Amino acid sequence: LSRPIAIPQTMHGRGQSFLRAWAPCLEANSISQTDFLAFIDNLNIVSTANPPLQVLGLAGGFLGMVPYHWAKIAGTAIQVSAQLGAAVVSKSRTDMYMKEVNEKMFKPRGLKVSITSVEAMRSILRIPDTQPLLAPLTDETMQMSTLERELLALRDYNAMLDMNVPRPVEQTTMLAKLSARQVEGLAKKNQKKAMKDGEKALEKKEKAEKREAEKRGKK
């Protein structure tokens, strides 16, 4: 990528969806518009459909996409929003989904996508601290939405985004597959834990019976 890609939420606040936009520069990395929009649509479903699993505290959150080696160099600052507790993120469907799409879709193409805070987005796009993240109110911007002013302010730093995209499908195959895989993985994990707990309980019972038998033998 000649420039990183940052895609804002449609509105600031908890669990708000991300803008459905296409970055044409992704074609150079063999990512089609259809696949990228499916990724955003599925992310919006996963992160907003279930209140306990929403992406919480993302006031003005961004999807940040950078060449993969940049992400490794930058460290943890751009991995997760500073507003999120690690325990919440790691156990959520959103985190599982992001991990899956990074492994299967983005990393093989030399990219990494993550949900970041506004501060991390500044770092990703290399926006000076003195640069406002909203275009100033003028006769030209007066009729613009906050999102449009935000995109205008990022224009010189962000990759070009195309908002003229097809309507979303109701639900994509990728999400269905991921959901099934998550359910299966959770079932296996629960089964493994149940077996381990059962073995521990049996071992504890046998030790208690042995101690009781030894006490009776001493009498």
N, C-alpha and C. Protein backbone atom coordinates (compact mmCIF):
# COMPACT_ATOMS: atom_id res chain seq x y z
N LEU A 1 0.83 -1.20 0.00
CA LEU A 1 0.00 0.00 0.00
C LEU A 1 0.87 1.25 0.00
N SER A 2 0.52 2.21 -0.85
CA SER A 2 1.26 3.47 -0.84
C SER A 2 0.87 4.31 0.37
N ARG A 3 -0.37 4.11 0.84
CA ARG A 3 -0.85 4.77 2.06
C ARG A 3 -1.64 3.76 2.87
N PRO A 4 -1.61 3.87 4.20
CA PRO A 4 -2.49 3.03 5.02
C PRO A 4 -3.95 3.38 4.73
N ILE A 5 -4.85 2.49 5.11
CA ILE A 5 -6.29 2.70 4.92
C ILE A 5 -6.95 2.82 6.28
N ALA A 6 -7.72 3.87 6.49
CA ALA A 6 -8.48 4.03 7.72
C ALA A 6 -9.95 4.23 7.36
N ILE A 7 -10.81 3.41 7.93
CA ILE A 7 -12.25 3.48 7.67
C ILE A 7 -12.96 3.79 8.98
N PRO A 8 -13.60 4.95 9.10
CA PRO A 8 -14.23 5.33 10.37
C PRO A 8 -15.57 4.65 10.58
N GLN A 9 -16.04 4.73 11.84
CA GLN A 9 -17.41 4.33 12.14
C GLN A 9 -18.36 5.33 11.49
N THR A 10 -19.57 4.86 11.20
CA THR A 10 -20.56 5.75 10.60
C THR A 10 -21.02 6.83 11.58
N MET A 11 -20.98 6.50 12.86
CA MET A 11 -21.28 7.46 13.93
C MET A 11 -20.36 7.14 15.10
N HIS A 12 -20.01 8.15 15.87
CA HIS A 12 -19.19 7.91 17.05
C HIS A 12 -20.06 7.29 18.14
N GLY A 13 -19.53 6.30 18.80
CA GLY A 13 -20.27 5.69 19.90
C GLY A 13 -20.11 4.19 19.95
N ARG A 14 -20.67 3.60 20.98
CA ARG A 14 -20.51 2.18 21.21
C ARG A 14 -21.27 1.34 20.19
N GLY A 15 -20.57 0.36 19.65
CA GLY A 15 -21.22 -0.60 18.77
C GLY A 15 -21.69 -0.05 17.44
N GLN A 16 -21.25 1.14 17.05
CA GLN A 16 -21.67 1.70 15.77
C GLN A 16 -20.95 0.98 14.63
N SER A 17 -21.65 0.87 13.51
CA SER A 17 -21.08 0.15 12.37
C SER A 17 -19.99 0.97 11.69
N PHE A 18 -19.16 0.27 10.92
CA PHE A 18 -18.11 0.94 10.15
C PHE A 18 -18.61 1.28 8.75
N LEU A 19 -18.08 2.34 8.21
CA LEU A 19 -18.47 2.82 6.89
C LEU A 19 -18.24 1.75 5.84
N ARG A 20 -19.24 1.56 4.99
CA ARG A 20 -19.09 0.63 3.86
C ARG A 20 -18.39 1.39 2.74
N ALA A 21 -17.11 1.15 2.64
CA ALA A 21 -16.30 1.85 1.63
C ALA A 21 -15.30 0.88 1.03
N TRP A 22 -14.88 1.21 -0.16
CA TRP A 22 -13.93 0.36 -0.89
C TRP A 22 -12.67 1.17 -1.18
N ALA A 23 -11.53 0.56 -0.92
CA ALA A 23 -10.25 1.19 -1.23
C ALA A 23 -9.69 0.54 -2.50
N PRO A 24 -9.78 1.20 -3.65
CA PRO A 24 -9.33 0.60 -4.92
C PRO A 24 -7.89 0.12 -4.91
N CYS A 25 -7.05 0.71 -4.06
CA CYS A 25 -5.64 0.30 -4.02
C CYS A 25 -5.48 -1.15 -3.57
N LEU A 26 -6.52 -1.73 -2.95
CA LEU A 26 -6.44 -3.12 -2.48
C LEU A 26 -6.40 -4.11 -3.63
N GLU A 27 -6.82 -3.67 -4.82
CA GLU A 27 -6.76 -4.57 -5.97
C GLU A 27 -5.33 -5.02 -6.25
N ALA A 28 -4.37 -4.16 -5.93
CA ALA A 28 -2.95 -4.52 -6.13
C ALA A 28 -2.52 -5.65 -5.20
N ASN A 29 -3.31 -5.86 -4.12
CA ASN A 29 -3.03 -6.95 -3.19
C ASN A 29 -3.99 -8.12 -3.39
N SER A 30 -4.63 -8.15 -4.56
CA SER A 30 -5.55 -9.25 -4.92
C SER A 30 -6.74 -9.36 -3.98
N ILE A 31 -7.24 -8.22 -3.50
CA ILE A 31 -8.47 -8.19 -2.71
C ILE A 31 -9.52 -7.46 -3.53
N SER A 32 -10.62 -8.15 -3.83
CA SER A 32 -11.66 -7.57 -4.67
C SER A 32 -12.61 -6.72 -3.84
N GLN A 33 -13.35 -5.88 -4.53
CA GLN A 33 -14.36 -5.05 -3.86
C GLN A 33 -15.38 -5.93 -3.16
N THR A 34 -15.81 -7.00 -3.81
CA THR A 34 -16.81 -7.91 -3.23
C THR A 34 -16.32 -8.51 -1.93
N ASP A 35 -15.09 -9.00 -1.91
CA ASP A 35 -14.54 -9.63 -0.71
C ASP A 35 -14.34 -8.61 0.41
N PHE A 36 -13.89 -7.41 0.06
CA PHE A 36 -13.64 -6.41 1.10
C PHE A 36 -14.94 -5.93 1.72
N LEU A 37 -15.96 -5.72 0.90
CA LEU A 37 -17.25 -5.30 1.44
C LEU A 37 -17.88 -6.40 2.28
N ALA A 38 -17.67 -7.66 1.87
CA ALA A 38 -18.16 -8.78 2.67
C ALA A 38 -17.49 -8.78 4.04
N PHE A 39 -16.20 -8.47 4.07
CA PHE A 39 -15.47 -8.38 5.33
C PHE A 39 -16.09 -7.31 6.24
N ILE A 40 -16.34 -6.12 5.69
CA ILE A 40 -16.92 -5.04 6.50
C ILE A 40 -18.34 -5.39 6.94
N ASP A 41 -19.15 -5.95 6.02
CA ASP A 41 -20.52 -6.31 6.38
C ASP A 41 -20.55 -7.33 7.51
N ASN A 42 -19.69 -8.33 7.41
CA ASN A 42 -19.64 -9.36 8.44
C ASN A 42 -19.13 -8.79 9.76
N LEU A 43 -18.15 -7.91 9.70
CA LEU A 43 -17.64 -7.28 10.91
C LEU A 43 -18.75 -6.48 11.59
N ASN A 44 -19.52 -5.75 10.80
CA ASN A 44 -20.61 -4.96 11.37
C ASN A 44 -21.66 -5.85 12.04
N ILE A 45 -21.94 -7.01 11.44
CA ILE A 45 -22.89 -7.94 12.04
C ILE A 45 -22.32 -8.51 13.34
N VAL A 46 -21.09 -8.97 13.29
CA VAL A 46 -20.46 -9.61 14.45
C VAL A 46 -20.32 -8.64 15.61
N SER A 47 -19.96 -7.40 15.33
CA SER A 47 -19.64 -6.46 16.41
C SER A 47 -20.85 -5.71 16.95
N THR A 48 -21.99 -5.74 16.25
CA THR A 48 -23.13 -4.97 16.74
C THR A 48 -24.37 -5.80 17.02
N ALA A 49 -24.45 -7.04 16.54
CA ALA A 49 -25.68 -7.81 16.65
C ALA A 49 -25.97 -8.26 18.07
N ASN A 50 -24.95 -8.47 18.89
CA ASN A 50 -25.13 -9.00 20.23
C ASN A 50 -24.59 -8.00 21.25
N PRO A 51 -25.44 -7.28 21.98
CA PRO A 51 -24.97 -6.24 22.88
C PRO A 51 -23.81 -6.63 23.80
N PRO A 52 -23.82 -7.82 24.45
CA PRO A 52 -22.69 -8.15 25.32
C PRO A 52 -21.37 -8.28 24.56
N LEU A 53 -21.46 -8.45 23.24
CA LEU A 53 -20.25 -8.66 22.45
C LEU A 53 -19.91 -7.46 21.57
N GLN A 54 -20.55 -6.33 21.86
CA GLN A 54 -20.27 -5.14 21.06
C GLN A 54 -18.84 -4.67 21.27
N VAL A 55 -18.34 -3.93 20.32
CA VAL A 55 -17.03 -3.29 20.47
C VAL A 55 -17.28 -2.06 21.32
N LEU A 56 -16.98 -2.15 22.61
CA LEU A 56 -17.34 -1.09 23.55
C LEU A 56 -16.29 0.01 23.61
N GLY A 57 -16.74 1.22 23.88
CA GLY A 57 -15.83 2.32 24.15
C GLY A 57 -15.10 2.85 22.94
N LEU A 58 -15.55 2.52 21.73
CA LEU A 58 -14.85 3.01 20.54
C LEU A 58 -15.43 4.37 20.13
N ALA A 59 -15.16 5.38 20.89
CA ALA A 59 -15.62 6.71 20.52
C ALA A 59 -14.79 7.19 19.34
N GLY A 60 -15.39 7.13 18.16
CA GLY A 60 -14.64 7.51 16.96
C GLY A 60 -13.63 6.47 16.58
N GLY A 61 -14.03 5.22 16.63
CA GLY A 61 -13.11 4.13 16.29
C GLY A 61 -12.82 4.06 14.81
N PHE A 62 -11.73 3.41 14.45
CA PHE A 62 -11.32 3.27 13.06
C PHE A 62 -10.88 1.85 12.79
N LEU A 63 -11.12 1.43 11.56
CA LEU A 63 -10.48 0.22 11.06
C LEU A 63 -9.18 0.67 10.42
N GLY A 64 -8.09 0.15 10.91
CA GLY A 64 -6.80 0.53 10.34
C GLY A 64 -6.18 -0.62 9.60
N MET A 65 -5.69 -0.37 8.42
CA MET A 65 -5.05 -1.42 7.63
C MET A 65 -3.68 -0.94 7.18
N VAL A 66 -2.67 -1.70 7.51
CA VAL A 66 -1.31 -1.30 7.19
C VAL A 66 -0.55 -2.50 6.64
N PRO A 67 0.53 -2.27 5.90
CA PRO A 67 1.38 -3.39 5.51
C PRO A 67 1.81 -4.16 6.75
N TYR A 68 1.83 -5.48 6.67
CA TYR A 68 1.98 -6.33 7.85
C TYR A 68 3.26 -6.04 8.62
N HIS A 69 4.37 -5.77 7.92
CA HIS A 69 5.62 -5.54 8.65
C HIS A 69 5.57 -4.24 9.44
N TRP A 70 4.76 -3.27 9.01
CA TRP A 70 4.60 -2.05 9.78
C TRP A 70 3.96 -2.36 11.12
N ALA A 71 2.96 -3.24 11.09
CA ALA A 71 2.25 -3.59 12.32
C ALA A 71 3.19 -4.22 13.33
N LYS A 72 4.11 -5.06 12.84
CA LYS A 72 5.05 -5.71 13.75
C LYS A 72 6.00 -4.68 14.37
N ILE A 73 6.44 -3.73 13.57
CA ILE A 73 7.36 -2.71 14.06
C ILE A 73 6.67 -1.78 15.06
N ALA A 74 5.43 -1.42 14.76
CA ALA A 74 4.71 -0.46 15.60
C ALA A 74 4.35 -1.01 16.97
N GLY A 75 4.25 -2.32 17.09
CA GLY A 75 3.95 -2.91 18.39
C GLY A 75 2.48 -2.86 18.73
N THR A 76 2.19 -2.88 20.03
CA THR A 76 0.80 -3.05 20.46
C THR A 76 -0.04 -1.80 20.33
N ALA A 77 0.56 -0.66 20.07
CA ALA A 77 -0.20 0.59 20.08
C ALA A 77 -1.32 0.60 19.06
N ILE A 78 -1.14 -0.07 17.94
CA ILE A 78 -2.18 -0.01 16.92
C ILE A 78 -3.02 -1.28 16.87
N GLN A 79 -2.82 -2.18 17.81
CA GLN A 79 -3.53 -3.45 17.74
C GLN A 79 -4.98 -3.35 18.22
N VAL A 80 -5.18 -2.65 19.32
CA VAL A 80 -6.49 -2.61 19.95
C VAL A 80 -6.75 -1.21 20.46
N SER A 81 -8.00 -0.82 20.46
CA SER A 81 -8.33 0.49 21.00
C SER A 81 -7.95 0.58 22.47
N ALA A 82 -7.40 1.72 22.87
CA ALA A 82 -7.04 1.93 24.27
C ALA A 82 -8.28 1.93 25.16
N GLN A 83 -9.46 2.10 24.56
CA GLN A 83 -10.70 2.13 25.33
C GLN A 83 -11.16 0.74 25.74
N LEU A 84 -10.58 -0.31 25.16
CA LEU A 84 -11.08 -1.65 25.39
C LEU A 84 -10.23 -2.42 26.38
N GLY A 85 -10.90 -3.12 27.29
CA GLY A 85 -10.19 -4.03 28.17
C GLY A 85 -9.81 -5.27 27.39
N ALA A 86 -8.60 -5.77 27.60
CA ALA A 86 -8.12 -6.91 26.83
C ALA A 86 -8.99 -8.13 27.01
N ALA A 87 -9.50 -8.34 28.23
CA ALA A 87 -10.32 -9.52 28.50
C ALA A 87 -11.61 -9.48 27.69
N VAL A 88 -12.18 -8.28 27.57
CA VAL A 88 -13.42 -8.15 26.79
C VAL A 88 -13.17 -8.48 25.34
N VAL A 89 -12.09 -7.93 24.79
CA VAL A 89 -11.80 -8.12 23.37
C VAL A 89 -11.47 -9.57 23.07
N SER A 90 -10.59 -10.17 23.89
CA SER A 90 -10.09 -11.51 23.57
C SER A 90 -11.18 -12.56 23.59
N LYS A 91 -12.25 -12.33 24.34
CA LYS A 91 -13.30 -13.33 24.45
C LYS A 91 -14.47 -13.06 23.52
N SER A 92 -14.42 -12.01 22.76
CA SER A 92 -15.56 -11.63 21.94
C SER A 92 -15.53 -12.24 20.55
N ARG A 93 -16.67 -12.30 19.95
CA ARG A 93 -16.76 -12.78 18.58
C ARG A 93 -16.01 -11.85 17.64
N THR A 94 -16.02 -10.56 17.97
CA THR A 94 -15.31 -9.60 17.12
C THR A 94 -13.84 -9.94 17.02
N ASP A 95 -13.23 -10.22 18.16
CA ASP A 95 -11.81 -10.55 18.16
C ASP A 95 -11.54 -11.83 17.39
N MET A 96 -12.40 -12.83 17.58
CA MET A 96 -12.23 -14.10 16.86
C MET A 96 -12.34 -13.88 15.36
N TYR A 97 -13.30 -13.05 14.97
CA TYR A 97 -13.51 -12.77 13.55
C TYR A 97 -12.31 -12.03 12.96
N MET A 98 -11.82 -11.01 13.67
CA MET A 98 -10.68 -10.25 13.18
C MET A 98 -9.44 -11.14 13.05
N LYS A 99 -9.25 -12.02 14.01
CA LYS A 99 -8.11 -12.94 13.95
C LYS A 99 -8.22 -13.84 12.73
N GLU A 100 -9.44 -14.33 12.48
CA GLU A 100 -9.67 -15.24 11.36
C GLU A 100 -9.42 -14.56 10.02
N VAL A 101 -9.98 -13.35 9.84
CA VAL A 101 -9.81 -12.68 8.54
C VAL A 101 -8.37 -12.23 8.33
N ASN A 102 -7.68 -11.90 9.41
CA ASN A 102 -6.26 -11.57 9.26
C ASN A 102 -5.47 -12.78 8.79
N GLU A 103 -5.72 -13.92 9.41
CA GLU A 103 -4.97 -15.13 9.06
C GLU A 103 -5.30 -15.62 7.65
N LYS A 104 -6.59 -15.56 7.27
CA LYS A 104 -7.01 -16.17 6.01
C LYS A 104 -7.04 -15.19 4.84
N MET A 105 -7.27 -13.91 5.11
CA MET A 105 -7.49 -12.97 4.01
C MET A 105 -6.38 -11.92 3.88
N PHE A 106 -6.00 -11.29 4.98
CA PHE A 106 -5.09 -10.14 4.90
C PHE A 106 -3.62 -10.51 5.03
N LYS A 107 -3.26 -11.30 6.03
CA LYS A 107 -1.85 -11.63 6.25
C LYS A 107 -1.19 -12.29 5.04
N PRO A 108 -1.87 -13.25 4.35
CA PRO A 108 -1.25 -13.84 3.16
C PRO A 108 -0.96 -12.82 2.06
N ARG A 109 -1.63 -11.67 2.13
CA ARG A 109 -1.42 -10.62 1.13
C ARG A 109 -0.55 -9.48 1.66
N GLY A 110 0.13 -9.74 2.78
CA GLY A 110 1.05 -8.76 3.33
C GLY A 110 0.39 -7.61 4.06
N LEU A 111 -0.86 -7.80 4.53
CA LEU A 111 -1.59 -6.74 5.21
C LEU A 111 -2.05 -7.19 6.59
N LYS A 112 -2.43 -6.24 7.41
CA LYS A 112 -3.03 -6.53 8.71
C LYS A 112 -4.12 -5.51 8.95
N VAL A 113 -5.28 -5.97 9.43
CA VAL A 113 -6.39 -5.07 9.74
C VAL A 113 -6.66 -5.16 11.23
N SER A 114 -6.97 -4.01 11.84
CA SER A 114 -7.27 -3.99 13.27
C SER A 114 -8.23 -2.85 13.58
N ILE A 115 -8.91 -2.96 14.71
CA ILE A 115 -9.78 -1.89 15.19
C ILE A 115 -8.95 -1.04 16.14
N THR A 116 -8.87 0.23 15.86
CA THR A 116 -7.97 1.09 16.62
C THR A 116 -8.68 2.30 17.21
N SER A 117 -8.02 2.94 18.13
CA SER A 117 -8.51 4.21 18.68
C SER A 117 -8.15 5.35 17.74
N VAL A 118 -8.71 6.51 18.00
CA VAL A 118 -8.39 7.69 17.21
C VAL A 118 -6.90 8.02 17.32
N GLU A 119 -6.36 7.88 18.54
CA GLU A 119 -4.94 8.18 18.75
C GLU A 119 -4.06 7.25 17.91
N ALA A 120 -4.42 5.96 17.89
CA ALA A 120 -3.64 5.00 17.10
C ALA A 120 -3.80 5.29 15.61
N MET A 121 -5.00 5.71 15.21
CA MET A 121 -5.24 6.04 13.81
C MET A 121 -4.34 7.20 13.37
N ARG A 122 -4.16 8.18 14.26
CA ARG A 122 -3.24 9.29 13.95
C ARG A 122 -1.84 8.76 13.66
N SER A 123 -1.43 7.79 14.48
CA SER A 123 -0.09 7.22 14.31
C SER A 123 0.01 6.45 13.00
N ILE A 124 -1.03 5.68 12.69
CA ILE A 124 -1.04 4.88 11.46
C ILE A 124 -0.94 5.77 10.23
N LEU A 125 -1.74 6.83 10.23
CA LEU A 125 -1.78 7.73 9.06
C LEU A 125 -0.72 8.83 9.12
N ARG A 126 0.01 8.89 10.23
CA ARG A 126 1.05 9.90 10.42
C ARG A 126 0.48 11.32 10.31
N ILE A 127 -0.62 11.52 11.03
CA ILE A 127 -1.27 12.83 11.05
C ILE A 127 -0.66 13.65 12.20
N PRO A 128 -0.19 14.86 11.95
CA PRO A 128 0.38 15.68 13.02
C PRO A 128 -0.63 15.92 14.14
N ASP A 129 -0.15 16.02 15.37
CA ASP A 129 -1.03 16.25 16.52
C ASP A 129 -1.80 17.55 16.40
N THR A 130 -1.25 18.49 15.67
CA THR A 130 -1.90 19.80 15.52
C THR A 130 -2.99 19.80 14.44
N GLN A 131 -3.07 18.71 13.67
CA GLN A 131 -4.03 18.64 12.57
C GLN A 131 -5.41 18.22 13.09
N PRO A 132 -6.46 19.05 12.91
CA PRO A 132 -7.81 18.66 13.34
C PRO A 132 -8.29 17.44 12.55
N LEU A 133 -9.11 16.61 13.20
CA LEU A 133 -9.64 15.42 12.53
C LEU A 133 -11.02 15.67 11.93
N LEU A 134 -11.45 16.91 11.97
CA LEU A 134 -12.68 17.33 11.28
C LEU A 134 -12.35 18.53 10.42
N ALA A 135 -12.83 18.51 9.19
CA ALA A 135 -12.64 19.69 8.33
C ALA A 135 -13.38 20.87 8.95
N PRO A 136 -12.80 22.06 8.93
CA PRO A 136 -13.45 23.23 9.55
C PRO A 136 -14.76 23.57 8.85
N LEU A 137 -15.65 24.20 9.61
CA LEU A 137 -16.93 24.60 9.04
C LEU A 137 -16.74 25.80 8.11
N THR A 138 -17.15 25.60 6.87
CA THR A 138 -17.10 26.67 5.86
C THR A 138 -18.40 26.61 5.08
N ASP A 139 -18.56 27.51 4.12
CA ASP A 139 -19.75 27.45 3.28
C ASP A 139 -19.83 26.10 2.56
N GLU A 140 -18.66 25.55 2.22
CA GLU A 140 -18.62 24.28 1.50
C GLU A 140 -18.95 23.09 2.39
N THR A 141 -18.49 23.13 3.65
CA THR A 141 -18.66 21.97 4.53
C THR A 141 -19.89 22.07 5.44
N MET A 142 -20.58 23.21 5.42
CA MET A 142 -21.70 23.44 6.32
C MET A 142 -22.78 22.36 6.20
N GLN A 143 -23.00 21.89 4.97
CA GLN A 143 -24.05 20.90 4.73
C GLN A 143 -23.54 19.46 4.84
N MET A 144 -22.26 19.29 5.15
CA MET A 144 -21.70 17.94 5.27
C MET A 144 -22.02 17.33 6.63
N SER A 145 -22.10 16.00 6.64
CA SER A 145 -22.25 15.29 7.91
C SER A 145 -20.89 15.27 8.62
N THR A 146 -20.91 14.89 9.89
CA THR A 146 -19.65 14.78 10.64
C THR A 146 -18.73 13.76 9.98
N LEU A 147 -19.31 12.66 9.51
CA LEU A 147 -18.51 11.63 8.83
C LEU A 147 -17.85 12.19 7.58
N GLU A 148 -18.59 12.95 6.79
CA GLU A 148 -18.03 13.53 5.57
C GLU A 148 -16.91 14.52 5.88
N ARG A 149 -17.08 15.29 6.94
CA ARG A 149 -16.03 16.23 7.34
C ARG A 149 -14.80 15.48 7.85
N GLU A 150 -15.04 14.36 8.51
CA GLU A 150 -13.95 13.53 9.00
C GLU A 150 -13.13 12.97 7.83
N LEU A 151 -13.84 12.45 6.83
CA LEU A 151 -13.17 11.89 5.66
C LEU A 151 -12.40 12.96 4.89
N LEU A 152 -12.97 14.15 4.83
CA LEU A 152 -12.31 15.26 4.15
C LEU A 152 -11.01 15.64 4.86
N ALA A 153 -11.04 15.63 6.20
CA ALA A 153 -9.85 15.98 6.97
C ALA A 153 -8.74 14.94 6.80
N LEU A 154 -9.14 13.68 6.55
CA LEU A 154 -8.16 12.60 6.41
C LEU A 154 -7.64 12.44 4.99
N ARG A 155 -8.23 13.15 4.05
CA ARG A 155 -8.00 12.91 2.63
C ARG A 155 -6.52 12.94 2.23
N ASP A 156 -5.76 13.84 2.81
CA ASP A 156 -4.34 13.97 2.42
C ASP A 156 -3.45 12.90 3.05
N TYR A 157 -4.00 12.12 3.98
CA TYR A 157 -3.20 11.12 4.68
C TYR A 157 -3.69 9.69 4.42
N ASN A 158 -4.96 9.56 4.14
CA ASN A 158 -5.60 8.26 3.99
C ASN A 158 -5.57 7.79 2.53
N ALA A 159 -5.65 6.48 2.34
CA ALA A 159 -5.82 5.96 0.98
C ALA A 159 -7.18 6.42 0.44
N MET A 160 -7.30 6.50 -0.87
CA MET A 160 -8.55 6.93 -1.47
C MET A 160 -9.65 5.91 -1.20
N LEU A 161 -10.82 6.40 -0.76
CA LEU A 161 -11.95 5.53 -0.48
C LEU A 161 -13.08 5.83 -1.45
N ASP A 162 -13.74 4.78 -1.90
CA ASP A 162 -14.89 4.90 -2.80
C ASP A 162 -16.14 4.48 -2.03
N MET A 163 -17.07 5.43 -1.82
CA MET A 163 -18.31 5.12 -1.09
C MET A 163 -19.44 4.68 -2.01
N ASN A 164 -19.21 4.72 -3.31
CA ASN A 164 -20.23 4.30 -4.27
C ASN A 164 -20.14 2.79 -4.46
N VAL A 165 -20.70 2.05 -3.50
CA VAL A 165 -20.56 0.59 -3.49
C VAL A 165 -21.94 -0.07 -3.48
N PRO A 166 -22.01 -1.35 -3.88
CA PRO A 166 -23.29 -2.06 -3.89
C PRO A 166 -23.87 -2.20 -2.48
N ARG A 167 -25.18 -2.39 -2.41
CA ARG A 167 -25.85 -2.61 -1.13
C ARG A 167 -25.38 -3.92 -0.51
N PRO A 168 -25.41 -4.02 0.83
CA PRO A 168 -24.95 -5.26 1.47
C PRO A 168 -25.92 -6.40 1.26
N VAL A 169 -25.37 -7.61 1.23
CA VAL A 169 -26.22 -8.79 1.22
C VAL A 169 -26.67 -9.03 2.65
N GLU A 170 -27.74 -9.84 2.81
CA GLU A 170 -28.30 -10.04 4.15
C GLU A 170 -27.28 -10.67 5.10
N GLN A 171 -26.62 -11.70 4.63
CA GLN A 171 -25.58 -12.34 5.43
C GLN A 171 -24.70 -13.13 4.48
N THR A 172 -23.41 -13.09 4.69
CA THR A 172 -22.51 -13.74 3.75
C THR A 172 -22.09 -15.12 4.21
N THR A 173 -21.60 -15.88 3.26
CA THR A 173 -21.15 -17.24 3.55
C THR A 173 -20.00 -17.23 4.55
N MET A 174 -19.12 -16.23 4.45
CA MET A 174 -17.97 -16.18 5.35
C MET A 174 -18.42 -16.16 6.80
N LEU A 175 -19.44 -15.33 7.11
CA LEU A 175 -19.91 -15.24 8.48
C LEU A 175 -20.51 -16.56 8.94
N ALA A 176 -21.29 -17.19 8.06
CA ALA A 176 -21.90 -18.47 8.42
C ALA A 176 -20.84 -19.50 8.75
N LYS A 177 -19.80 -19.55 7.93
CA LYS A 177 -18.71 -20.50 8.16
C LYS A 177 -17.98 -20.21 9.47
N LEU A 178 -17.72 -18.92 9.70
CA LEU A 178 -17.02 -18.55 10.93
C LEU A 178 -17.85 -18.87 12.15
N SER A 179 -19.16 -18.60 12.08
CA SER A 179 -20.04 -18.88 13.21
C SER A 179 -20.05 -20.37 13.53
N ALA A 180 -20.17 -21.19 12.48
CA ALA A 180 -20.17 -22.64 12.68
C ALA A 180 -18.85 -23.10 13.28
N ARG A 181 -17.76 -22.54 12.80
CA ARG A 181 -16.44 -22.92 13.30
C ARG A 181 -16.27 -22.51 14.76
N GLN A 182 -16.79 -21.33 15.11
CA GLN A 182 -16.68 -20.87 16.49
C GLN A 182 -17.49 -21.75 17.43
N VAL A 183 -18.71 -22.11 17.01
CA VAL A 183 -19.55 -22.98 17.83
C VAL A 183 -18.88 -24.33 18.03
N GLU A 184 -18.34 -24.87 16.93
CA GLU A 184 -17.66 -26.16 17.01
C GLU A 184 -16.44 -26.08 17.93
N GLY A 185 -15.66 -25.00 17.77
CA GLY A 185 -14.47 -24.83 18.60
C GLY A 185 -14.82 -24.69 20.07
N LEU A 186 -15.90 -23.94 20.36
CA LEU A 186 -16.32 -23.76 21.74
C LEU A 186 -16.81 -25.06 22.34
N ALA A 187 -17.54 -25.85 21.54
CA ALA A 187 -18.04 -27.15 22.02
C ALA A 187 -16.88 -28.07 22.37
N LYS A 188 -15.86 -28.10 21.50
CA LYS A 188 -14.69 -28.95 21.77
C LYS A 188 -13.95 -28.47 23.02
N LYS A 189 -13.84 -27.16 23.16
CA LYS A 189 -13.15 -26.60 24.33
C LYS A 189 -13.90 -26.95 25.60
N ASN A 190 -15.24 -26.82 25.57
CA ASN A 190 -16.05 -27.14 26.74
C ASN A 190 -15.97 -28.62 27.08
N GLN A 191 -15.97 -29.47 26.04
CA GLN A 191 -15.87 -30.91 26.25
C GLN A 191 -14.53 -31.28 26.89
N LYS A 192 -13.47 -30.66 26.38
CA LYS A 192 -12.13 -30.92 26.92
C LYS A 192 -12.04 -30.48 28.38
N LYS A 193 -12.63 -29.32 28.69
CA LYS A 193 -12.61 -28.82 30.06
C LYS A 193 -13.42 -29.73 30.97
N ALA A 194 -14.57 -30.20 30.47
CA ALA A 194 -15.41 -31.09 31.28
C ALA A 194 -14.68 -32.39 31.61
N MET A 195 -13.96 -32.94 30.61
CA MET A 195 -13.20 -34.17 30.84
C MET A 195 -12.09 -33.94 31.86
N LYS A 196 -11.40 -32.80 31.74
CA LYS A 196 -10.32 -32.49 32.68
C LYS A 196 -10.87 -32.30 34.08
N ASP A 197 -12.00 -31.60 34.20
CA ASP A 197 -12.62 -31.39 35.51
C ASP A 197 -13.06 -32.72 36.12
N GLY A 198 -13.58 -33.61 35.24
CA GLY A 198 -14.01 -34.93 35.71
C GLY A 198 -12.84 -35.75 36.24
N GLU A 199 -11.72 -35.69 35.52
CA GLU A 199 -10.52 -36.42 35.94
C GLU A 199 -10.00 -35.89 37.27
N LYS A 200 -10.02 -34.56 37.44
CA LYS A 200 -9.57 -33.97 38.70
C LYS A 200 -10.48 -34.37 39.85
N ALA A 201 -11.79 -34.36 39.59
CA ALA A 201 -12.75 -34.73 40.63
C ALA A 201 -12.56 -36.19 41.04
N LEU A 202 -12.34 -37.07 40.04
CA LEU A 202 -12.13 -38.49 40.33
C LEU A 202 -10.85 -38.69 41.13
N GLU A 203 -9.79 -37.99 40.73
CA GLU A 203 -8.51 -38.10 41.44
C GLU A 203 -8.65 -37.62 42.88
N LYS A 204 -9.40 -36.55 43.08
CA LYS A 204 -9.62 -36.01 44.42
C LYS A 204 -10.42 -37.00 45.27
N LYS A 205 -11.42 -37.64 44.66
CA LYS A 205 -12.24 -38.61 45.37
C LYS A 205 -11.41 -39.82 45.79
N GLU A 206 -10.57 -40.32 44.87
CA GLU A 206 -9.73 -41.49 45.16
C GLU A 206 -8.76 -41.19 46.29
N LYS A 207 -8.18 -39.98 46.31
CA LYS A 207 -7.26 -39.60 47.38
C LYS A 207 -7.98 -39.53 48.72
N ALA A 208 -9.21 -39.00 48.69
CA ALA A 208 -10.00 -38.90 49.93
C ALA A 208 -10.34 -40.29 50.46
N GLU A 209 -10.71 -41.20 49.55
CA GLU A 209 -11.04 -42.57 49.96
C GLU A 209 -9.81 -43.29 50.51
N LYS A 210 -8.65 -43.03 49.91
CA LYS A 210 -7.41 -43.65 50.37
C LYS A 210 -7.05 -43.17 51.77
N ARG A 211 -7.22 -41.85 52.00
CA ARG A 211 -6.93 -41.32 53.33
C ARG A 211 -7.88 -41.89 54.37
N GLU A 212 -9.14 -42.05 53.98
CA GLU A 212 -10.14 -42.60 54.89
C GLU A 212 -9.82 -44.05 55.23
N ALA A 213 -9.37 -44.81 54.22
CA ALA A 213 -9.02 -46.22 54.43
C ALA A 213 -7.81 -46.34 55.35
N GLU A 214 -6.84 -45.42 55.17
CA GLU A 214 -5.64 -45.44 56.02
C GLU A 214 -5.99 -45.12 57.47
N LYS A 215 -6.94 -44.22 57.66
CA LYS A 215 -7.38 -43.89 59.02
C LYS A 215 -8.03 -45.09 59.68
N ARG A 216 -8.87 -45.80 58.92
CA ARG A 216 -9.55 -46.98 59.47
C ARG A 216 -8.55 -48.07 59.81
N GLY A 217 -7.48 -48.20 58.98
CA GLY A 217 -6.47 -49.23 59.21
C GLY A 217 -5.67 -48.98 60.47
N LYS A 218 -5.53 -47.72 60.87
CA LYS A 218 -4.76 -47.38 62.06
C LYS A 218 -5.56 -47.60 63.34
N LYS A 219 -6.87 -47.69 63.22
CA LYS A 219 -7.71 -47.86 64.41
C LYS A 219 -7.65 -49.30 64.92
